[in-house]
Amino acid sequence: MLDLWAVPCSRRFLGPSTDLAVWVRNPNQTVRGSRGTLGWMPPEVVLGSPFKPISADLYSCGIALYRLVDAVWPEPNEVAEANRIRNFARSFMDPDPSLRPSLKLIYTVVV
């Protein structure tokens, strides 16, 4: 279990299990089956539909990023920045996998 402590904040952030891997040859490859931690899985995985593992991972990363921001922010002068990051994280959690950002887009935003 990923267990990150928010310092100096007294709240704790618990993330999903990170010991599961699905190997894919390209980002458009789909797989079937339920993989992951309930509560962190995207809708398409929960429903048992074929899914793209990279897109599914983005959904879980969006949840983790959103919760992490809540665990460590906002300080009164950082509310705007925290909201910007929350909105970015929400885009990862779109119920429609085709509307989640690509890794290329995420890279351009982060870098």
C-alpha atoms as a PDB file:
ATOM      1  CA  MET A   1       0.000   0.000   0.000  1.00  0.00           C
ATOM      2  CA  LEU A   2       1.312   3.426  -0.930  1.00  0.00           C
ATOM      3  CA  ASP A   3       1.371   5.430   2.281  1.00  0.00           C
ATOM      4  CA  LEU A   4       2.448   9.054   2.010  1.00  0.00           C
ATOM      5  CA  TRP A   5       2.554  11.280   5.056  1.00  0.00           C
ATOM      6  CA  ALA A   6       1.744  14.910   4.473  1.00  0.00           C
ATOM      7  CA  VAL A   7       4.279  16.951   6.405  1.00  0.00           C
ATOM      8  CA  PRO A   8       3.828  19.267   8.280  1.00  0.00           C
ATOM      9  CA  CYS A   9       0.107  18.574   7.864  1.00  0.00           C
ATOM     10  CA  SER A  10      -1.341  16.131  10.396  1.00  0.00           C
ATOM     11  CA  ARG A  11      -3.586  14.442   7.818  1.00  0.00           C
ATOM     12  CA  ARG A  12      -2.481  11.212   6.131  1.00  0.00           C
ATOM     13  CA  PHE A  13      -2.843  10.228   2.477  1.00  0.00           C
ATOM     14  CA  LEU A  14      -3.395   6.558   1.661  1.00  0.00           C
ATOM     15  CA  GLY A  15      -3.098   5.563  -1.979  1.00  0.00           C
ATOM     16  CA  PRO A  16      -3.940   2.410  -3.908  1.00  0.00           C
ATOM     17  CA  SER A  17      -1.884  -0.757  -4.005  1.00  0.00           C
ATOM     18  CA  THR A  18       0.910  -0.331  -6.547  1.00  0.00           C
ATOM     19  CA  ASP A  19       1.963  -3.959  -6.961  1.00  0.00           C
ATOM     20  CA  LEU A  20      -0.136  -4.745 -10.049  1.00  0.00           C
ATOM     21  CA  ALA A  21       1.104  -4.502 -13.633  1.00  0.00           C
ATOM     22  CA  VAL A  22      -0.473  -5.010 -17.046  1.00  0.00           C
ATOM     23  CA  TRP A  23       1.985  -5.001 -19.931  1.00  0.00           C
ATOM     24  CA  VAL A  24       0.820  -3.317 -23.140  1.00  0.00           C
ATOM     25  CA  ARG A  25       2.526  -2.825 -26.491  1.00  0.00           C
ATOM     26  CA  ASN A  26       0.886   0.535 -27.235  1.00  0.00           C
ATOM     27  CA  PRO A  27      -1.443   3.004 -25.508  1.00  0.00           C
ATOM     28  CA  ASN A  28      -4.445   1.847 -27.587  1.00  0.00           C
ATOM     29  CA  GLN A  29      -4.222  -1.806 -26.582  1.00  0.00           C
ATOM     30  CA  THR A  30      -7.235  -3.016 -24.610  1.00  0.00           C
ATOM     31  CA  VAL A  31      -7.516  -5.733 -21.986  1.00  0.00           C
ATOM     32  CA  ARG A  32     -10.367  -7.274 -20.013  1.00  0.00           C
ATOM     33  CA  GLY A  33     -10.764  -8.173 -16.388  1.00  0.00           C
ATOM     34  CA  SER A  34     -10.973  -6.461 -13.069  1.00  0.00           C
ATOM     35  CA  ARG A  35      -7.612  -5.209 -11.898  1.00  0.00           C
ATOM     36  CA  GLY A  36      -6.874  -2.747  -9.160  1.00  0.00           C
ATOM     37  CA  THR A  37      -8.220  -1.473  -5.887  1.00  0.00           C
ATOM     38  CA  LEU A  38     -11.968  -0.909  -5.663  1.00  0.00           C
ATOM     39  CA  GLY A  39     -12.614   2.781  -5.197  1.00  0.00           C
ATOM     40  CA  TRP A  40      -9.603   3.658  -7.355  1.00  0.00           C
ATOM     41  CA  MET A  41     -10.713   1.798 -10.499  1.00  0.00           C
ATOM     42  CA  PRO A  42     -12.265   3.684 -13.419  1.00  0.00           C
ATOM     43  CA  PRO A  43     -15.866   2.978 -14.427  1.00  0.00           C
ATOM     44  CA  GLU A  44     -14.921   0.891 -17.469  1.00  0.00           C
ATOM     45  CA  VAL A  45     -12.907  -1.519 -15.303  1.00  0.00           C
ATOM     46  CA  VAL A  46     -15.616  -1.776 -12.643  1.00  0.00           C
ATOM     47  CA  LEU A  47     -18.172  -2.556 -15.376  1.00  0.00           C
ATOM     48  CA  GLY A  48     -15.959  -5.313 -16.803  1.00  0.00           C
ATOM     49  CA  SER A  49     -15.664  -3.621 -20.196  1.00  0.00           C
ATOM     50  CA  PRO A  50     -12.508  -3.870 -22.303  1.00  0.00           C
ATOM     51  CA  PHE A  51     -10.221  -1.038 -21.206  1.00  0.00           C
ATOM     52  CA  LYS A  52      -6.959   0.668 -22.035  1.00  0.00           C
ATOM     53  CA  PRO A  53      -4.597   0.149 -19.080  1.00  0.00           C
ATOM     54  CA  ILE A  54      -2.816   3.493 -19.520  1.00  0.00           C
ATOM     55  CA  SER A  55      -6.112   5.374 -19.531  1.00  0.00           C
ATOM     56  CA  ALA A  56      -7.275   3.374 -16.508  1.00  0.00           C
ATOM     57  CA  ASP A  57      -4.046   4.229 -14.681  1.00  0.00           C
ATOM     58  CA  LEU A  58      -4.594   7.924 -15.441  1.00  0.00           C
ATOM     59  CA  TYR A  59      -7.991   7.714 -13.750  1.00  0.00           C
ATOM     60  CA  SER A  60      -6.397   6.297 -10.596  1.00  0.00           C
ATOM     61  CA  CYS A  61      -3.591   8.871 -10.746  1.00  0.00           C
ATOM     62  CA  GLY A  62      -6.216  11.618 -10.931  1.00  0.00           C
ATOM     63  CA  ILE A  63      -7.817  10.350  -7.733  1.00  0.00           C
ATOM     64  CA  ALA A  64      -4.430  10.153  -6.017  1.00  0.00           C
ATOM     65  CA  LEU A  65      -3.405  13.649  -7.138  1.00  0.00           C
ATOM     66  CA  TYR A  66      -6.752  15.137  -6.087  1.00  0.00           C
ATOM     67  CA  ARG A  67      -6.580  13.518  -2.643  1.00  0.00           C
ATOM     68  CA  LEU A  68      -2.940  14.464  -2.200  1.00  0.00           C
ATOM     69  CA  VAL A  69      -3.739  18.126  -2.868  1.00  0.00           C
ATOM     70  CA  ASP A  70      -6.468  17.951  -0.229  1.00  0.00           C
ATOM     71  CA  ALA A  71      -4.046  16.363   2.245  1.00  0.00           C
ATOM     72  CA  VAL A  72      -1.371  19.061   1.963  1.00  0.00           C
ATOM     73  CA  TRP A  73      -3.159  22.173   0.646  1.00  0.00           C
ATOM     74  CA  PRO A  74      -4.401  24.814   0.606  1.00  0.00           C
ATOM     75  CA  GLU A  75      -2.706  27.389   2.662  1.00  0.00           C
ATOM     76  CA  PRO A  76      -4.690  30.649   2.417  1.00  0.00           C
ATOM     77  CA  ASN A  77      -2.331  32.107  -0.199  1.00  0.00           C
ATOM     78  CA  GLU A  78      -2.262  28.882  -2.282  1.00  0.00           C
ATOM     79  CA  VAL A  79      -5.963  28.284  -2.934  1.00  0.00           C
ATOM     80  CA  ALA A  80      -5.785  29.266  -6.617  1.00  0.00           C
ATOM     81  CA  GLU A  81      -2.850  26.922  -7.270  1.00  0.00           C
ATOM     82  CA  ALA A  82      -4.538  24.073  -5.386  1.00  0.00           C
ATOM     83  CA  ASN A  83      -7.713  24.566  -7.444  1.00  0.00           C
ATOM     84  CA  ARG A  84      -5.698  24.550 -10.680  1.00  0.00           C
ATOM     85  CA  ILE A  85      -4.133  21.217  -9.720  1.00  0.00           C
ATOM     86  CA  ARG A  86      -7.517  19.794  -8.644  1.00  0.00           C
ATOM     87  CA  ASN A  87      -9.015  20.737 -12.027  1.00  0.00           C
ATOM     88  CA  PHE A  88      -6.064  19.088 -13.781  1.00  0.00           C
ATOM     89  CA  ALA A  89      -6.616  15.943 -11.667  1.00  0.00           C
ATOM     90  CA  ARG A  90     -10.357  15.971 -12.484  1.00  0.00           C
ATOM     91  CA  SER A  91      -9.532  15.781 -16.196  1.00  0.00           C
ATOM     92  CA  PHE A  92      -7.842  12.417 -15.503  1.00  0.00           C
ATOM     93  CA  MET A  93     -11.075  11.152 -13.936  1.00  0.00           C
ATOM     94  CA  ASP A  94     -13.444  11.774 -16.846  1.00  0.00           C
ATOM     95  CA  PRO A  95     -15.951   8.886 -16.937  1.00  0.00           C
ATOM     96  CA  ASP A  96     -15.371   8.717 -20.702  1.00  0.00           C
ATOM     97  CA  PRO A  97     -11.854   7.278 -21.189  1.00  0.00           C
ATOM     98  CA  SER A  98     -11.516   8.938 -24.599  1.00  0.00           C
ATOM     99  CA  LEU A  99     -11.769  12.359 -22.918  1.00  0.00           C
ATOM    100  CA  ARG A 100      -8.913  11.757 -20.458  1.00  0.00           C
ATOM    101  CA  PRO A 101      -5.719  13.597 -21.390  1.00  0.00           C
ATOM    102  CA  SER A 102      -2.967  11.814 -23.277  1.00  0.00           C
ATOM    103  CA  LEU A 103       0.423  11.249 -21.674  1.00  0.00           C
ATOM    104  CA  LYS A 104       1.850  13.662 -24.248  1.00  0.00           C
ATOM    105  CA  LEU A 105      -0.547  16.413 -23.137  1.00  0.00           C
ATOM    106  CA  ILE A 106       0.166  15.730 -19.468  1.00  0.00           C
ATOM    107  CA  TYR A 107       3.896  16.018 -20.175  1.00  0.00           C
ATOM    108  CA  THR A 108       3.446  19.399 -21.866  1.00  0.00           C
ATOM    109  CA  VAL A 109       1.420  20.705 -18.907  1.00  0.00           C
ATOM    110  CA  VAL A 110       3.775  19.387 -16.235  1.00  0.00           C
ATOM    111  CA  VAL A 111       7.054  20.275 -17.931  1.00  0.00           C
END
